[in-house]
């Protein structure tokens, strides 16, 4: 049963990672690209890490997974914010339809 749950988590994480990569290609400007890659990328990576925890299952692994997910949740928005500020400093503006 744990293999099925882990498989579904990996599949869902892979779908979210695919959505993030498609968002990087399809979005019109750097600001929407950052949004797509940050949100879906962190969720996809977190789901894949949780799947690894379900398969391995010991306490030390879960502690490392929680720390890794916390690190992803902390650094991804900060990195996107820094890229957004740098692009605004370089006079890039969002596209309007």
N, C-alpha and C. Protein backbone atom coordinates (compact mmCIF):
# COMPACT_ATOMS: atom_id res chain seq x y z
N UNK A 1 0.81 -1.20 0.00
CA UNK A 1 0.00 0.00 0.00
C UNK A 1 0.86 1.27 0.00
N UNK A 2 1.99 1.22 0.72
CA UNK A 2 2.86 2.40 0.74
C UNK A 2 3.50 2.66 -0.62
N UNK A 3 3.73 1.59 -1.39
CA UNK A 3 4.31 1.77 -2.72
C UNK A 3 3.32 2.49 -3.64
N UNK A 4 2.05 2.19 -3.49
CA UNK A 4 1.04 2.86 -4.31
C UNK A 4 0.94 4.34 -3.94
N UNK A 5 0.93 4.62 -2.65
CA UNK A 5 0.87 6.01 -2.20
C UNK A 5 2.10 6.78 -2.66
N UNK A 6 3.27 6.16 -2.53
CA UNK A 6 4.50 6.82 -2.97
C UNK A 6 4.50 7.03 -4.47
N UNK A 7 4.00 6.06 -5.21
CA UNK A 7 3.92 6.21 -6.66
C UNK A 7 3.01 7.35 -7.07
N UNK A 8 1.87 7.47 -6.39
CA UNK A 8 0.95 8.58 -6.69
C UNK A 8 1.58 9.93 -6.33
N UNK A 9 2.30 9.97 -5.22
CA UNK A 9 2.98 11.22 -4.83
C UNK A 9 4.06 11.60 -5.84
N UNK A 10 4.83 10.62 -6.29
CA UNK A 10 5.87 10.91 -7.29
C UNK A 10 5.24 11.35 -8.60
N UNK A 11 4.17 10.69 -9.01
CA UNK A 11 3.49 11.07 -10.25
C UNK A 11 2.92 12.48 -10.15
N UNK A 12 2.29 12.81 -9.03
CA UNK A 12 1.74 14.15 -8.85
C UNK A 12 2.85 15.19 -8.81
N UNK A 13 3.94 14.88 -8.12
CA UNK A 13 5.08 15.79 -8.08
C UNK A 13 5.69 16.00 -9.46
N UNK A 14 5.76 14.93 -10.24
CA UNK A 14 6.30 15.06 -11.60
C UNK A 14 5.39 15.91 -12.48
N UNK A 15 4.08 15.78 -12.29
CA UNK A 15 3.14 16.60 -13.06
C UNK A 15 3.31 18.08 -12.71
N UNK A 16 3.44 18.38 -11.43
CA UNK A 16 3.64 19.77 -11.03
C UNK A 16 4.98 20.31 -11.53
N UNK A 17 6.00 19.48 -11.55
CA UNK A 17 7.29 19.92 -12.09
C UNK A 17 7.20 20.15 -13.60
N UNK A 18 6.44 19.31 -14.28
CA UNK A 18 6.20 19.51 -15.71
C UNK A 18 5.44 20.81 -15.96
N UNK A 19 4.44 21.09 -15.13
CA UNK A 19 3.69 22.34 -15.26
C UNK A 19 4.62 23.53 -15.05
N UNK A 20 5.54 23.43 -14.10
CA UNK A 20 6.49 24.52 -13.87
C UNK A 20 7.39 24.73 -15.08
N UNK A 21 7.84 23.65 -15.69
CA UNK A 21 8.72 23.80 -16.85
C UNK A 21 7.96 24.32 -18.06
N UNK A 22 6.72 23.92 -18.22
CA UNK A 22 5.91 24.46 -19.32
C UNK A 22 5.64 25.94 -19.07
N UNK A 23 5.41 26.32 -17.82
CA UNK A 23 5.21 27.72 -17.49
C UNK A 23 6.41 28.58 -17.81
N UNK A 24 7.60 28.03 -17.66
CA UNK A 24 8.81 28.77 -18.01
C UNK A 24 8.89 29.05 -19.51
N UNK A 25 8.36 28.15 -20.30
CA UNK A 25 8.41 28.32 -21.75
C UNK A 25 7.26 29.20 -22.24
N UNK A 26 6.07 29.01 -21.72
CA UNK A 26 4.87 29.63 -22.27
C UNK A 26 4.58 31.04 -21.76
N UNK A 27 5.04 31.39 -20.60
CA UNK A 27 4.69 32.70 -20.03
C UNK A 27 5.42 33.83 -20.76
N UNK A 28 4.77 35.01 -20.85
CA UNK A 28 5.31 36.06 -21.71
C UNK A 28 6.46 36.87 -21.12
N UNK A 29 6.54 37.00 -19.80
CA UNK A 29 7.61 37.84 -19.24
C UNK A 29 8.22 37.18 -18.01
N UNK A 30 9.26 37.80 -17.50
CA UNK A 30 10.03 37.20 -16.41
C UNK A 30 9.22 37.09 -15.13
N UNK A 31 8.29 37.98 -14.91
CA UNK A 31 7.54 37.99 -13.67
C UNK A 31 6.56 36.82 -13.60
N UNK A 32 5.86 36.55 -14.67
CA UNK A 32 4.96 35.41 -14.68
C UNK A 32 5.73 34.09 -14.75
N UNK A 33 6.89 34.10 -15.37
CA UNK A 33 7.73 32.89 -15.38
C UNK A 33 8.20 32.54 -13.98
N UNK A 34 8.59 33.57 -13.22
CA UNK A 34 9.01 33.32 -11.84
C UNK A 34 7.88 32.74 -11.02
N UNK A 35 6.69 33.28 -11.20
CA UNK A 35 5.54 32.80 -10.44
C UNK A 35 5.27 31.34 -10.74
N UNK A 36 5.25 30.99 -12.02
CA UNK A 36 4.96 29.60 -12.41
C UNK A 36 6.03 28.64 -11.90
N UNK A 37 7.28 29.01 -12.04
CA UNK A 37 8.34 28.09 -11.63
C UNK A 37 8.44 27.97 -10.12
N UNK A 38 8.21 29.05 -9.40
CA UNK A 38 8.34 29.00 -7.94
C UNK A 38 7.23 28.17 -7.31
N UNK A 39 6.01 28.48 -7.66
CA UNK A 39 4.88 27.79 -7.02
C UNK A 39 4.84 26.31 -7.36
N UNK A 40 4.81 26.00 -8.64
CA UNK A 40 4.67 24.60 -9.05
C UNK A 40 5.95 23.81 -8.79
N UNK A 41 7.10 24.45 -8.92
CA UNK A 41 8.36 23.75 -8.69
C UNK A 41 8.54 23.32 -7.25
N UNK A 42 8.20 24.19 -6.32
CA UNK A 42 8.32 23.86 -4.90
C UNK A 42 7.33 22.77 -4.53
N UNK A 43 6.11 22.87 -5.03
CA UNK A 43 5.12 21.84 -4.72
C UNK A 43 5.53 20.49 -5.31
N UNK A 44 6.02 20.48 -6.54
CA UNK A 44 6.45 19.22 -7.14
C UNK A 44 7.62 18.60 -6.40
N UNK A 45 8.59 19.40 -6.04
CA UNK A 45 9.75 18.88 -5.30
C UNK A 45 9.34 18.38 -3.92
N UNK A 46 8.44 19.10 -3.27
CA UNK A 46 7.99 18.68 -1.94
C UNK A 46 7.24 17.35 -2.00
N UNK A 47 6.40 17.18 -3.00
CA UNK A 47 5.67 15.92 -3.13
C UNK A 47 6.60 14.75 -3.39
N UNK A 48 7.63 14.97 -4.19
CA UNK A 48 8.59 13.90 -4.46
C UNK A 48 9.39 13.56 -3.20
N UNK A 49 9.74 14.57 -2.42
CA UNK A 49 10.44 14.31 -1.15
C UNK A 49 9.55 13.55 -0.18
N UNK A 50 8.27 13.90 -0.12
CA UNK A 50 7.34 13.19 0.76
C UNK A 50 7.21 11.73 0.31
N UNK A 51 7.20 11.50 -0.99
CA UNK A 51 7.15 10.12 -1.49
C UNK A 51 8.36 9.32 -1.04
N UNK A 52 9.52 9.96 -1.04
CA UNK A 52 10.72 9.27 -0.55
C UNK A 52 10.58 8.95 0.93
N UNK A 53 9.99 9.85 1.68
CA UNK A 53 9.77 9.59 3.10
C UNK A 53 8.79 8.45 3.34
N UNK A 54 7.78 8.35 2.50
CA UNK A 54 6.81 7.26 2.63
C UNK A 54 7.48 5.92 2.37
N UNK A 55 8.36 5.89 1.38
CA UNK A 55 9.03 4.62 1.05
C UNK A 55 10.05 4.24 2.11
N UNK A 56 10.88 5.19 2.52
CA UNK A 56 11.96 4.87 3.48
C UNK A 56 11.38 4.74 4.89
N UNK A 57 10.65 5.75 5.33
CA UNK A 57 9.85 5.64 6.53
C UNK A 57 10.48 5.78 7.89
N UNK A 58 11.78 5.96 8.03
CA UNK A 58 12.33 6.10 9.39
C UNK A 58 12.36 7.57 9.81
N UNK A 59 12.57 7.80 11.09
CA UNK A 59 12.49 9.14 11.66
C UNK A 59 13.56 10.09 11.17
N UNK A 60 14.77 9.59 10.99
CA UNK A 60 15.86 10.44 10.51
C UNK A 60 15.62 10.95 9.10
N UNK A 61 15.07 10.11 8.27
CA UNK A 61 14.75 10.52 6.91
C UNK A 61 13.65 11.57 6.90
N UNK A 62 12.62 11.37 7.73
CA UNK A 62 11.54 12.36 7.79
C UNK A 62 12.04 13.70 8.30
N UNK A 63 12.97 13.68 9.23
CA UNK A 63 13.53 14.94 9.73
C UNK A 63 14.27 15.67 8.62
N UNK A 64 15.05 14.95 7.83
CA UNK A 64 15.75 15.57 6.70
C UNK A 64 14.77 16.09 5.65
N UNK A 65 13.70 15.36 5.41
CA UNK A 65 12.71 15.78 4.43
C UNK A 65 12.01 17.05 4.88
N UNK A 66 11.65 17.11 6.15
CA UNK A 66 11.00 18.32 6.68
C UNK A 66 11.93 19.51 6.56
N UNK A 67 13.20 19.33 6.87
CA UNK A 67 14.17 20.42 6.75
C UNK A 67 14.33 20.84 5.29
N UNK A 68 14.37 19.88 4.38
CA UNK A 68 14.52 20.20 2.95
C UNK A 68 13.30 20.95 2.43
N UNK A 69 12.10 20.54 2.82
CA UNK A 69 10.89 21.23 2.38
C UNK A 69 10.84 22.63 2.97
N UNK A 70 11.21 22.77 4.23
CA UNK A 70 11.28 24.10 4.85
C UNK A 70 12.26 24.99 4.11
N UNK A 71 13.41 24.43 3.74
CA UNK A 71 14.41 25.19 3.00
C UNK A 71 13.88 25.62 1.64
N UNK A 72 13.17 24.73 0.95
CA UNK A 72 12.56 25.09 -0.34
C UNK A 72 11.53 26.19 -0.17
N UNK A 73 10.68 26.07 0.84
CA UNK A 73 9.64 27.07 1.06
C UNK A 73 10.22 28.42 1.48
N UNK A 74 11.39 28.39 2.09
CA UNK A 74 12.02 29.63 2.52
C UNK A 74 12.81 30.30 1.40
N UNK A 75 13.54 29.53 0.63
CA UNK A 75 14.45 30.14 -0.35
C UNK A 75 13.82 30.43 -1.70
N UNK A 76 12.83 29.67 -2.14
CA UNK A 76 12.26 29.89 -3.46
C UNK A 76 11.58 31.26 -3.58
N UNK A 77 10.73 31.68 -2.64
CA UNK A 77 10.14 33.02 -2.76
C UNK A 77 11.17 34.14 -2.64
N UNK A 78 12.18 33.94 -1.81
CA UNK A 78 13.22 34.97 -1.67
C UNK A 78 14.01 35.10 -2.96
N UNK A 79 14.35 33.96 -3.57
CA UNK A 79 15.06 34.00 -4.85
C UNK A 79 14.23 34.64 -5.94
N UNK A 80 12.94 34.32 -5.99
CA UNK A 80 12.06 34.93 -7.00
C UNK A 80 11.94 36.43 -6.76
N UNK A 81 11.87 36.83 -5.51
CA UNK A 81 11.79 38.26 -5.21
C UNK A 81 13.06 38.99 -5.65
N UNK A 82 14.20 38.39 -5.40
CA UNK A 82 15.47 39.01 -5.80
C UNK A 82 15.58 39.11 -7.32
N UNK A 83 15.15 38.09 -8.03
CA UNK A 83 15.17 38.14 -9.49
C UNK A 83 14.21 39.21 -10.00
N UNK A 84 13.04 39.31 -9.39
CA UNK A 84 12.09 40.34 -9.77
C UNK A 84 12.61 41.74 -9.54
N UNK A 85 13.27 41.95 -8.40
CA UNK A 85 13.84 43.27 -8.13
C UNK A 85 14.96 43.61 -9.11
N UNK A 86 15.79 42.63 -9.42
CA UNK A 86 16.88 42.87 -10.37
C UNK A 86 16.34 43.16 -11.77
N UNK A 87 15.28 42.48 -12.16
CA UNK A 87 14.72 42.74 -13.49
C UNK A 87 14.04 44.10 -13.54
N UNK A 88 13.43 44.53 -12.45
CA UNK A 88 12.87 45.88 -12.42
C UNK A 88 13.98 46.94 -12.47
N UNK A 89 15.09 46.66 -11.81
CA UNK A 89 16.22 47.59 -11.87
C UNK A 89 16.79 47.70 -13.28
N UNK A 90 16.65 46.63 -14.05
CA UNK A 90 17.12 46.64 -15.44
C UNK A 90 16.04 47.14 -16.41
N UNK A 91 14.97 47.69 -15.86
CA UNK A 91 13.89 48.31 -16.62
C UNK A 91 13.06 47.33 -17.43
N UNK A 92 12.94 46.10 -16.96
CA UNK A 92 12.00 45.16 -17.56
C UNK A 92 10.64 45.43 -16.95
N UNK A 93 9.63 45.48 -17.77
CA UNK A 93 8.28 45.75 -17.30
C UNK A 93 7.37 44.58 -17.66
N UNK A 94 6.35 44.34 -16.84
CA UNK A 94 5.41 43.26 -17.18
C UNK A 94 4.65 43.57 -18.46
N UNK A 95 4.39 42.53 -19.22
CA UNK A 95 3.60 42.70 -20.45
C UNK A 95 2.12 42.69 -20.10
N UNK A 96 1.39 43.54 -20.79
CA UNK A 96 -0.06 43.59 -20.61
C UNK A 96 -0.72 43.18 -21.92
N UNK A 97 -1.79 42.42 -21.80
CA UNK A 97 -2.50 41.98 -23.02
C UNK A 97 -3.54 42.97 -23.41
